[in-house]
Amino acid sequence: MLKLINTKILLAILAVLAAIASTEIYRAREAHKAAEAAVQAAAILQQQQHDAEERKKQDEAFRKQVEDKKRHNSAAGNEGKTWKTYIP
């Protein structure tokens, strides 16, 4: 009788230990998934920042090109007007 009770207690202890181990494994797996998600999010953020910097450089180059064309066109336009209205 005592041996049967000891066996049941031992099985209960083993079941509790198995439950604790499974929850610990689950927690570790979830922590690993969270870490992977954080790494992926950091990589995406870095790529977005890089893309934003490239876009900013392209925008600046385009703005400069437009300004150069404006200067070039406005000078030529003004020169033509001055010669037409020039009275010696």
PDB file of N, CA and C in Angstrom:
ATOM      1  N   MET A   1       0.826  -1.184   0.000  1.00  0.00           N
ATOM      2  CA  MET A   1       0.000   0.000   0.000  1.00  0.00           C
ATOM      3  C   MET A   1       0.877   1.259   0.000  1.00  0.00           C
ATOM      4  N   LEU A   2       1.875   1.260   0.857  1.00  0.00           N
ATOM      5  CA  LEU A   2       2.780   2.403   0.938  1.00  0.00           C
ATOM      6  C   LEU A   2       3.551   2.564  -0.371  1.00  0.00           C
ATOM      7  N   LYS A   3       3.906   1.441  -0.978  1.00  0.00           N
ATOM      8  CA  LYS A   3       4.635   1.486  -2.225  1.00  0.00           C
ATOM      9  C   LYS A   3       3.752   2.097  -3.328  1.00  0.00           C
ATOM     10  N   LEU A   4       2.484   1.804  -3.347  1.00  0.00           N
ATOM     11  CA  LEU A   4       1.542   2.340  -4.323  1.00  0.00           C
ATOM     12  C   LEU A   4       1.375   3.853  -4.145  1.00  0.00           C
ATOM     13  N   ILE A   5       1.305   4.293  -2.899  1.00  0.00           N
ATOM     14  CA  ILE A   5       1.190   5.724  -2.617  1.00  0.00           C
ATOM     15  C   ILE A   5       2.467   6.448  -3.038  1.00  0.00           C
ATOM     16  N   ASN A   6       3.610   5.871  -2.736  1.00  0.00           N
ATOM     17  CA  ASN A   6       4.888   6.461  -3.139  1.00  0.00           C
ATOM     18  C   ASN A   6       4.989   6.562  -4.662  1.00  0.00           C
ATOM     19  N   THR A   7       4.507   5.552  -5.364  1.00  0.00           N
ATOM     20  CA  THR A   7       4.538   5.548  -6.820  1.00  0.00           C
ATOM     21  C   THR A   7       3.640   6.659  -7.365  1.00  0.00           C
ATOM     22  N   LYS A   8       2.463   6.819  -6.781  1.00  0.00           N
ATOM     23  CA  LYS A   8       1.538   7.855  -7.220  1.00  0.00           C
ATOM     24  C   LYS A   8       2.130   9.253  -6.958  1.00  0.00           C
ATOM     25  N   ILE A   9       2.751   9.415  -5.810  1.00  0.00           N
ATOM     26  CA  ILE A   9       3.389  10.697  -5.498  1.00  0.00           C
ATOM     27  C   ILE A   9       4.532  10.966  -6.471  1.00  0.00           C
ATOM     28  N   LEU A  10       5.310   9.943  -6.749  1.00  0.00           N
ATOM     29  CA  LEU A  10       6.414  10.089  -7.691  1.00  0.00           C
ATOM     30  C   LEU A  10       5.894  10.465  -9.074  1.00  0.00           C
ATOM     31  N   LEU A  11       4.824   9.842  -9.520  1.00  0.00           N
ATOM     32  CA  LEU A  11       4.230  10.173 -10.816  1.00  0.00           C
ATOM     33  C   LEU A  11       3.691  11.612 -10.828  1.00  0.00           C
ATOM     34  N   ALA A  12       3.100  12.035  -9.724  1.00  0.00           N
ATOM     35  CA  ALA A  12       2.589  13.403  -9.629  1.00  0.00           C
ATOM     36  C   ALA A  12       3.746  14.400  -9.701  1.00  0.00           C
ATOM     37  N   ILE A  13       4.821  14.098  -9.010  1.00  0.00           N
ATOM     38  CA  ILE A  13       6.002  14.969  -9.039  1.00  0.00           C
ATOM     39  C   ILE A  13       6.577  15.029 -10.455  1.00  0.00           C
ATOM     40  N   LEU A  14       6.648  13.882 -11.120  1.00  0.00           N
ATOM     41  CA  LEU A  14       7.159  13.854 -12.485  1.00  0.00           C
ATOM     42  C   LEU A  14       6.242  14.645 -13.435  1.00  0.00           C
ATOM     43  N   ALA A  15       4.941  14.551 -13.216  1.00  0.00           N
ATOM     44  CA  ALA A  15       4.001  15.304 -14.052  1.00  0.00           C
ATOM     45  C   ALA A  15       4.183  16.807 -13.850  1.00  0.00           C
ATOM     46  N   VAL A  16       4.374  17.223 -12.616  1.00  0.00           N
ATOM     47  CA  VAL A  16       4.598  18.641 -12.328  1.00  0.00           C
ATOM     48  C   VAL A  16       5.902  19.106 -12.957  1.00  0.00           C
ATOM     49  N   LEU A  17       6.940  18.293 -12.838  1.00  0.00           N
ATOM     50  CA  LEU A  17       8.221  18.652 -13.453  1.00  0.00           C
ATOM     51  C   LEU A  17       8.107  18.729 -14.973  1.00  0.00           C
ATOM     52  N   ALA A  18       7.357  17.834 -15.572  1.00  0.00           N
ATOM     53  CA  ALA A  18       7.150  17.858 -17.018  1.00  0.00           C
ATOM     54  C   ALA A  18       6.396  19.122 -17.422  1.00  0.00           C
ATOM     55  N   ALA A  19       5.396  19.512 -16.624  1.00  0.00           N
ATOM     56  CA  ALA A  19       4.654  20.727 -16.924  1.00  0.00           C
ATOM     57  C   ALA A  19       5.548  21.955 -16.813  1.00  0.00           C
ATOM     58  N   ILE A  20       6.376  21.996 -15.795  1.00  0.00           N
ATOM     59  CA  ILE A  20       7.310  23.112 -15.618  1.00  0.00           C
ATOM     60  C   ILE A  20       8.296  23.168 -16.789  1.00  0.00           C
ATOM     61  N   ALA A  21       8.809  22.009 -17.184  1.00  0.00           N
ATOM     62  CA  ALA A  21       9.764  21.958 -18.289  1.00  0.00           C
ATOM     63  C   ALA A  21       9.107  22.406 -19.590  1.00  0.00           C
ATOM     64  N   SER A  22       7.884  21.974 -19.823  1.00  0.00           N
ATOM     65  CA  SER A  22       7.212  22.367 -21.068  1.00  0.00           C
ATOM     66  C   SER A  22       6.926  23.868 -21.094  1.00  0.00           C
ATOM     67  N   THR A  23       6.540  24.443 -19.952  1.00  0.00           N
ATOM     68  CA  THR A  23       6.319  25.894 -19.936  1.00  0.00           C
ATOM     69  C   THR A  23       7.626  26.656 -20.142  1.00  0.00           C
ATOM     70  N   GLU A  24       8.708  26.134 -19.603  1.00  0.00           N
ATOM     71  CA  GLU A  24      10.008  26.780 -19.788  1.00  0.00           C
ATOM     72  C   GLU A  24      10.444  26.697 -21.253  1.00  0.00           C
ATOM     73  N   ILE A  25      10.210  25.560 -21.879  1.00  0.00           N
ATOM     74  CA  ILE A  25      10.538  25.402 -23.298  1.00  0.00           C
ATOM     75  C   ILE A  25       9.690  26.362 -24.136  1.00  0.00           C
ATOM     76  N   TYR A  26       8.412  26.456 -23.808  1.00  0.00           N
ATOM     77  CA  TYR A  26       7.521  27.364 -24.529  1.00  0.00           C
ATOM     78  C   TYR A  26       7.980  28.812 -24.368  1.00  0.00           C
ATOM     79  N   ARG A  27       8.345  29.198 -23.143  1.00  0.00           N
ATOM     80  CA  ARG A  27       8.808  30.557 -22.887  1.00  0.00           C
ATOM     81  C   ARG A  27      10.089  30.856 -23.665  1.00  0.00           C
ATOM     82  N   ALA A  28      11.002  29.890 -23.690  1.00  0.00           N
ATOM     83  CA  ALA A  28      12.254  30.084 -24.414  1.00  0.00           C
ATOM     84  C   ALA A  28      11.999  30.219 -25.914  1.00  0.00           C
ATOM     85  N   ARG A  29      11.078  29.429 -26.436  1.00  0.00           N
ATOM     86  CA  ARG A  29      10.759  29.502 -27.859  1.00  0.00           C
ATOM     87  C   ARG A  29      10.114  30.849 -28.204  1.00  0.00           C
ATOM     88  N   GLU A  30       9.225  31.309 -27.334  1.00  0.00           N
ATOM     89  CA  GLU A  30       8.589  32.606 -27.565  1.00  0.00           C
ATOM     90  C   GLU A  30       9.610  33.748 -27.483  1.00  0.00           C
ATOM     91  N   ALA A  31      10.546  33.638 -26.548  1.00  0.00           N
ATOM     92  CA  ALA A  31      11.600  34.659 -26.440  1.00  0.00           C
ATOM     93  C   ALA A  31      12.465  34.657 -27.698  1.00  0.00           C
ATOM     94  N   HIS A  32      12.739  33.484 -28.224  1.00  0.00           N
ATOM     95  CA  HIS A  32      13.531  33.366 -29.445  1.00  0.00           C
ATOM     96  C   HIS A  32      12.775  33.980 -30.625  1.00  0.00           C
ATOM     97  N   LYS A  33      11.489  33.715 -30.719  1.00  0.00           N
ATOM     98  CA  LYS A  33      10.673  34.306 -31.781  1.00  0.00           C
ATOM     99  C   LYS A  33      10.654  35.834 -31.666  1.00  0.00           C
ATOM    100  N   ALA A  34      10.534  36.330 -30.445  1.00  0.00           N
ATOM    101  CA  ALA A  34      10.522  37.777 -30.230  1.00  0.00           C
ATOM    102  C   ALA A  34      11.861  38.391 -30.627  1.00  0.00           C
ATOM    103  N   ALA A  35      12.947  37.705 -30.307  1.00  0.00           N
ATOM    104  CA  ALA A  35      14.268  38.206 -30.674  1.00  0.00           C
ATOM    105  C   ALA A  35      14.433  38.234 -32.189  1.00  0.00           C
ATOM    106  N   GLU A  36      13.959  37.193 -32.864  1.00  0.00           N
ATOM    107  CA  GLU A  36      14.034  37.170 -34.322  1.00  0.00           C
ATOM    108  C   GLU A  36      13.194  38.286 -34.925  1.00  0.00           C
ATOM    109  N   ALA A  37      12.025  38.517 -34.358  1.00  0.00           N
ATOM    110  CA  ALA A  37      11.158  39.593 -34.848  1.00  0.00           C
ATOM    111  C   ALA A  37      11.820  40.951 -34.646  1.00  0.00           C
ATOM    112  N   ALA A  38      12.505  41.125 -33.519  1.00  0.00           N
ATOM    113  CA  ALA A  38      13.197  42.386 -33.254  1.00  0.00           C
ATOM    114  C   ALA A  38      14.337  42.596 -34.245  1.00  0.00           C
ATOM    115  N   VAL A  39      15.063  41.546 -34.546  1.00  0.00           N
ATOM    116  CA  VAL A  39      16.159  41.647 -35.512  1.00  0.00           C
ATOM    117  C   VAL A  39      15.598  41.990 -36.884  1.00  0.00           C
ATOM    118  N   GLN A  40      14.505  41.348 -37.261  1.00  0.00           N
ATOM    119  CA  GLN A  40      13.886  41.618 -38.555  1.00  0.00           C
ATOM    120  C   GLN A  40      13.368  43.057 -38.615  1.00  0.00           C
ATOM    121  N   ALA A  41      12.760  43.512 -37.535  1.00  0.00           N
ATOM    122  CA  ALA A  41      12.248  44.890 -37.488  1.00  0.00           C
ATOM    123  C   ALA A  41      13.403  45.883 -37.594  1.00  0.00           C
ATOM    124  N   ALA A  42      14.517  45.592 -36.933  1.00  0.00           N
ATOM    125  CA  ALA A  42      15.682  46.476 -37.011  1.00  0.00           C
ATOM    126  C   ALA A  42      16.232  46.515 -38.437  1.00  0.00           C
ATOM    127  N   ALA A  43      16.249  45.371 -39.099  1.00  0.00           N
ATOM    128  CA  ALA A  43      16.740  45.333 -40.479  1.00  0.00           C
ATOM    129  C   ALA A  43      15.819  46.127 -41.402  1.00  0.00           C
ATOM    130  N   ILE A  44      14.510  45.997 -41.192  1.00  0.00           N
ATOM    131  CA  ILE A  44      13.548  46.748 -42.003  1.00  0.00           C
ATOM    132  C   ILE A  44      13.703  48.243 -41.756  1.00  0.00           C
ATOM    133  N   LEU A  45      13.850  48.621 -40.498  1.00  0.00           N
ATOM    134  CA  LEU A  45      14.034  50.031 -40.159  1.00  0.00           C
ATOM    135  C   LEU A  45      15.303  50.595 -40.792  1.00  0.00           C
ATOM    136  N   GLN A  46      16.371  49.827 -40.731  1.00  0.00           N
ATOM    137  CA  GLN A  46      17.628  50.273 -41.322  1.00  0.00           C
ATOM    138  C   GLN A  46      17.476  50.434 -42.835  1.00  0.00           C
ATOM    139  N   GLN A  47      16.777  49.498 -43.482  1.00  0.00           N
ATOM    140  CA  GLN A  47      16.565  49.592 -44.920  1.00  0.00           C
ATOM    141  C   GLN A  47      15.714  50.813 -45.259  1.00  0.00           C
ATOM    142  N   GLN A  48      14.692  51.078 -44.443  1.00  0.00           N
ATOM    143  CA  GLN A  48      13.846  52.247 -44.677  1.00  0.00           C
ATOM    144  C   GLN A  48      14.637  53.543 -44.510  1.00  0.00           C
ATOM    145  N   GLN A  49      15.512  53.588 -43.522  1.00  0.00           N
ATOM    146  CA  GLN A  49      16.334  54.776 -43.330  1.00  0.00           C
ATOM    147  C   GLN A  49      17.281  54.970 -44.511  1.00  0.00           C
ATOM    148  N   HIS A  50      17.848  53.865 -44.980  1.00  0.00           N
ATOM    149  CA  HIS A  50      18.749  53.938 -46.127  1.00  0.00           C
ATOM    150  C   HIS A  50      17.979  54.421 -47.356  1.00  0.00           C
ATOM    151  N   ASP A  51      16.786  53.890 -47.572  1.00  0.00           N
ATOM    152  CA  ASP A  51      15.962  54.318 -48.703  1.00  0.00           C
ATOM    153  C   ASP A  51      15.595  55.793 -48.591  1.00  0.00           C
ATOM    154  N   ALA A  52      15.292  56.235 -47.381  1.00  0.00           N
ATOM    155  CA  ALA A  52      14.939  57.644 -47.170  1.00  0.00           C
ATOM    156  C   ALA A  52      16.135  58.543 -47.478  1.00  0.00           C
ATOM    157  N   GLU A  53      17.322  58.132 -47.071  1.00  0.00           N
ATOM    158  CA  GLU A  53      18.518  58.916 -47.365  1.00  0.00           C
ATOM    159  C   GLU A  53      18.768  58.983 -48.870  1.00  0.00           C
ATOM    160  N   GLU A  54      18.599  57.854 -49.548  1.00  0.00           N
ATOM    161  CA  GLU A  54      18.783  57.830 -51.001  1.00  0.00           C
ATOM    162  C   GLU A  54      17.749  58.719 -51.684  1.00  0.00           C
ATOM    163  N   ARG A  55      16.507  58.644 -51.228  1.00  0.00           N
ATOM    164  CA  ARG A  55      15.447  59.470 -51.795  1.00  0.00           C
ATOM    165  C   ARG A  55      15.756  60.951 -51.575  1.00  0.00           C
ATOM    166  N   LYS A  56      16.285  61.263 -50.390  1.00  0.00           N
ATOM    167  CA  LYS A  56      16.625  62.652 -50.090  1.00  0.00           C
ATOM    168  C   LYS A  56      17.744  63.141 -51.011  1.00  0.00           C
ATOM    169  N   LYS A  57      18.746  62.292 -51.250  1.00  0.00           N
ATOM    170  CA  LYS A  57      19.834  62.660 -52.155  1.00  0.00           C
ATOM    171  C   LYS A  57      19.315  62.863 -53.572  1.00  0.00           C
ATOM    172  N   GLN A  58      18.427  61.963 -54.013  1.00  0.00           N
ATOM    173  CA  GLN A  58      17.867  62.097 -55.355  1.00  0.00           C
ATOM    174  C   GLN A  58      17.022  63.359 -55.471  1.00  0.00           C
ATOM    175  N   ASP A  59      16.229  63.636 -54.446  1.00  0.00           N
ATOM    176  CA  ASP A  59      15.416  64.850 -54.447  1.00  0.00           C
ATOM    177  C   ASP A  59      16.292  66.095 -54.501  1.00  0.00           C
ATOM    178  N   GLU A  60      17.362  66.086 -53.738  1.00  0.00           N
ATOM    179  CA  GLU A  60      18.276  67.234 -53.715  1.00  0.00           C
ATOM    180  C   GLU A  60      18.943  67.421 -55.083  1.00  0.00           C
ATOM    181  N   ALA A  61      19.351  66.308 -55.698  1.00  0.00           N
ATOM    182  CA  ALA A  61      19.968  66.396 -57.016  1.00  0.00           C
ATOM    183  C   ALA A  61      18.950  66.903 -58.040  1.00  0.00           C
ATOM    184  N   PHE A  62      17.729  66.427 -57.952  1.00  0.00           N
ATOM    185  CA  PHE A  62      16.689  66.884 -58.874  1.00  0.00           C
ATOM    186  C   PHE A  62      16.386  68.363 -58.658  1.00  0.00           C
ATOM    187  N   ARG A  63      16.302  68.780 -57.388  1.00  0.00           N
ATOM    188  CA  ARG A  63      16.059  70.190 -57.076  1.00  0.00           C
ATOM    189  C   ARG A  63      17.169  71.074 -57.642  1.00  0.00           C
ATOM    190  N   LYS A  64      18.402  70.611 -57.472  1.00  0.00           N
ATOM    191  CA  LYS A  64      19.545  71.367 -57.980  1.00  0.00           C
ATOM    192  C   LYS A  64      19.483  71.466 -59.499  1.00  0.00           C
ATOM    193  N   GLN A  65      19.117  70.365 -60.151  1.00  0.00           N
ATOM    194  CA  GLN A  65      19.010  70.354 -61.606  1.00  0.00           C
ATOM    195  C   GLN A  65      17.915  71.319 -62.067  1.00  0.00           C
ATOM    196  N   VAL A  66      16.790  71.323 -61.374  1.00  0.00           N
ATOM    197  CA  VAL A  66      15.703  72.231 -61.726  1.00  0.00           C
ATOM    198  C   VAL A  66      16.124  73.677 -61.508  1.00  0.00           C
ATOM    199  N   GLU A  67      16.803  73.942 -60.396  1.00  0.00           N
ATOM    200  CA  GLU A  67      17.270  75.307 -60.135  1.00  0.00           C
ATOM    201  C   GLU A  67      18.261  75.761 -61.196  1.00  0.00           C
ATOM    202  N   ASP A  68      19.152  74.867 -61.606  1.00  0.00           N
ATOM    203  CA  ASP A  68      20.109  75.219 -62.659  1.00  0.00           C
ATOM    204  C   ASP A  68      19.388  75.541 -63.959  1.00  0.00           C
ATOM    205  N   LYS A  69      18.386  74.749 -64.289  1.00  0.00           N
ATOM    206  CA  LYS A  69      17.621  75.015 -65.510  1.00  0.00           C
ATOM    207  C   LYS A  69      16.863  76.333 -65.397  1.00  0.00           C
ATOM    208  N   LYS A  70      16.331  76.614 -64.203  1.00  0.00           N
ATOM    209  CA  LYS A  70      15.615  77.873 -64.001  1.00  0.00           C
ATOM    210  C   LYS A  70      16.561  79.054 -64.209  1.00  0.00           C
ATOM    211  N   ARG A  71      17.742  78.960 -63.632  1.00  0.00           N
ATOM    212  CA  ARG A  71      18.720  80.039 -63.777  1.00  0.00           C
ATOM    213  C   ARG A  71      19.107  80.218 -65.237  1.00  0.00           C
ATOM    214  N   HIS A  72      19.336  79.101 -65.889  1.00  0.00           N
ATOM    215  CA  HIS A  72      19.747  79.154 -67.293  1.00  0.00           C
ATOM    216  C   HIS A  72      18.629  79.746 -68.151  1.00  0.00           C
ATOM    217  N   ASN A  73      17.420  79.263 -67.957  1.00  0.00           N
ATOM    218  CA  ASN A  73      16.295  79.733 -68.763  1.00  0.00           C
ATOM    219  C   ASN A  73      15.926  81.170 -68.432  1.00  0.00           C
ATOM    220  N   SER A  74      15.981  81.545 -67.179  1.00  0.00           N
ATOM    221  CA  SER A  74      15.595  82.900 -66.810  1.00  0.00           C
ATOM    222  C   SER A  74      16.610  83.914 -67.334  1.00  0.00           C
ATOM    223  N   ALA A  75      17.874  83.556 -67.344  1.00  0.00           N
ATOM    224  CA  ALA A  75      18.894  84.471 -67.856  1.00  0.00           C
ATOM    225  C   ALA A  75      18.703  84.672 -69.354  1.00  0.00           C
ATOM    226  N   ALA A  76      18.452  83.603 -70.071  1.00  0.00           N
ATOM    227  CA  ALA A  76      18.252  83.704 -71.512  1.00  0.00           C
ATOM    228  C   ALA A  76      16.965  84.471 -71.798  1.00  0.00           C
ATOM    229  N   GLY A  77      15.948  84.222 -71.023  1.00  0.00           N
ATOM    230  CA  GLY A  77      14.681  84.919 -71.224  1.00  0.00           C
ATOM    231  C   GLY A  77      14.817  86.400 -70.958  1.00  0.00           C
ATOM    232  N   ASN A  78      15.501  86.754 -69.915  1.00  0.00           N
ATOM    233  CA  ASN A  78      15.695  88.175 -69.600  1.00  0.00           C
ATOM    234  C   ASN A  78      16.576  88.855 -70.632  1.00  0.00           C
ATOM    235  N   GLU A  79      17.565  88.137 -71.139  1.00  0.00           N
ATOM    236  CA  GLU A  79      18.460  88.732 -72.125  1.00  0.00           C
ATOM    237  C   GLU A  79      17.694  89.075 -73.402  1.00  0.00           C
ATOM    238  N   GLY A  80      16.827  88.193 -73.818  1.00  0.00           N
ATOM    239  CA  GLY A  80      16.027  88.452 -75.012  1.00  0.00           C
ATOM    240  C   GLY A  80      15.117  89.647 -74.822  1.00  0.00           C
ATOM    241  N   LYS A  81      14.559  89.796 -73.685  1.00  0.00           N
ATOM    242  CA  LYS A  81      13.666  90.915 -73.410  1.00  0.00           C
ATOM    243  C   LYS A  81      14.442  92.228 -73.370  1.00  0.00           C
ATOM    244  N   THR A  82      15.630  92.195 -72.831  1.00  0.00           N
ATOM    245  CA  THR A  82      16.398  93.440 -72.734  1.00  0.00           C
ATOM    246  C   THR A  82      16.827  93.915 -74.103  1.00  0.00           C
ATOM    247  N   TRP A  83      17.175  93.024 -75.000  1.00  0.00           N
ATOM    248  CA  TRP A  83      17.600  93.445 -76.333  1.00  0.00           C
ATOM    249  C   TRP A  83      16.418  93.947 -77.157  1.00  0.00           C
ATOM    250  N   LYS A  84      15.240  93.413 -76.903  1.00  0.00           N
ATOM    251  CA  LYS A  84      14.069  93.880 -77.657  1.00  0.00           C
ATOM    252  C   LYS A  84      13.661  95.280 -77.192  1.00  0.00           C
ATOM    253  N   THR A  85      13.826  95.571 -75.946  1.00  0.00           N
ATOM    254  CA  THR A  85      13.421  96.871 -75.428  1.00  0.00           C
ATOM    255  C   THR A  85      14.563  97.855 -75.383  1.00  0.00           C
ATOM    256  N   TYR A  86      15.719  97.462 -75.907  1.00  0.00           N
ATOM    257  CA  TYR A  86      16.880  98.351 -75.884  1.00  0.00           C
ATOM    258  C   TYR A  86      16.711  99.463 -76.899  1.00  0.00           C
ATOM    259  N   ILE A  87      16.866 100.653 -76.440  1.00  0.00           N
ATOM    260  CA  ILE A  87      16.811 101.813 -77.339  1.00  0.00           C
ATOM    261  C   ILE A  87      18.145 102.529 -77.217  1.00  0.00           C
ATOM    262  N   PRO A  88      18.909 102.594 -78.317  1.00  0.00           N
ATOM    263  CA  PRO A  88      20.234 103.243 -78.221  1.00  0.00           C
ATOM    264  C   PRO A  88      20.150 104.748 -78.152  1.00  0.00           C
TER     265      PRO A  88
END
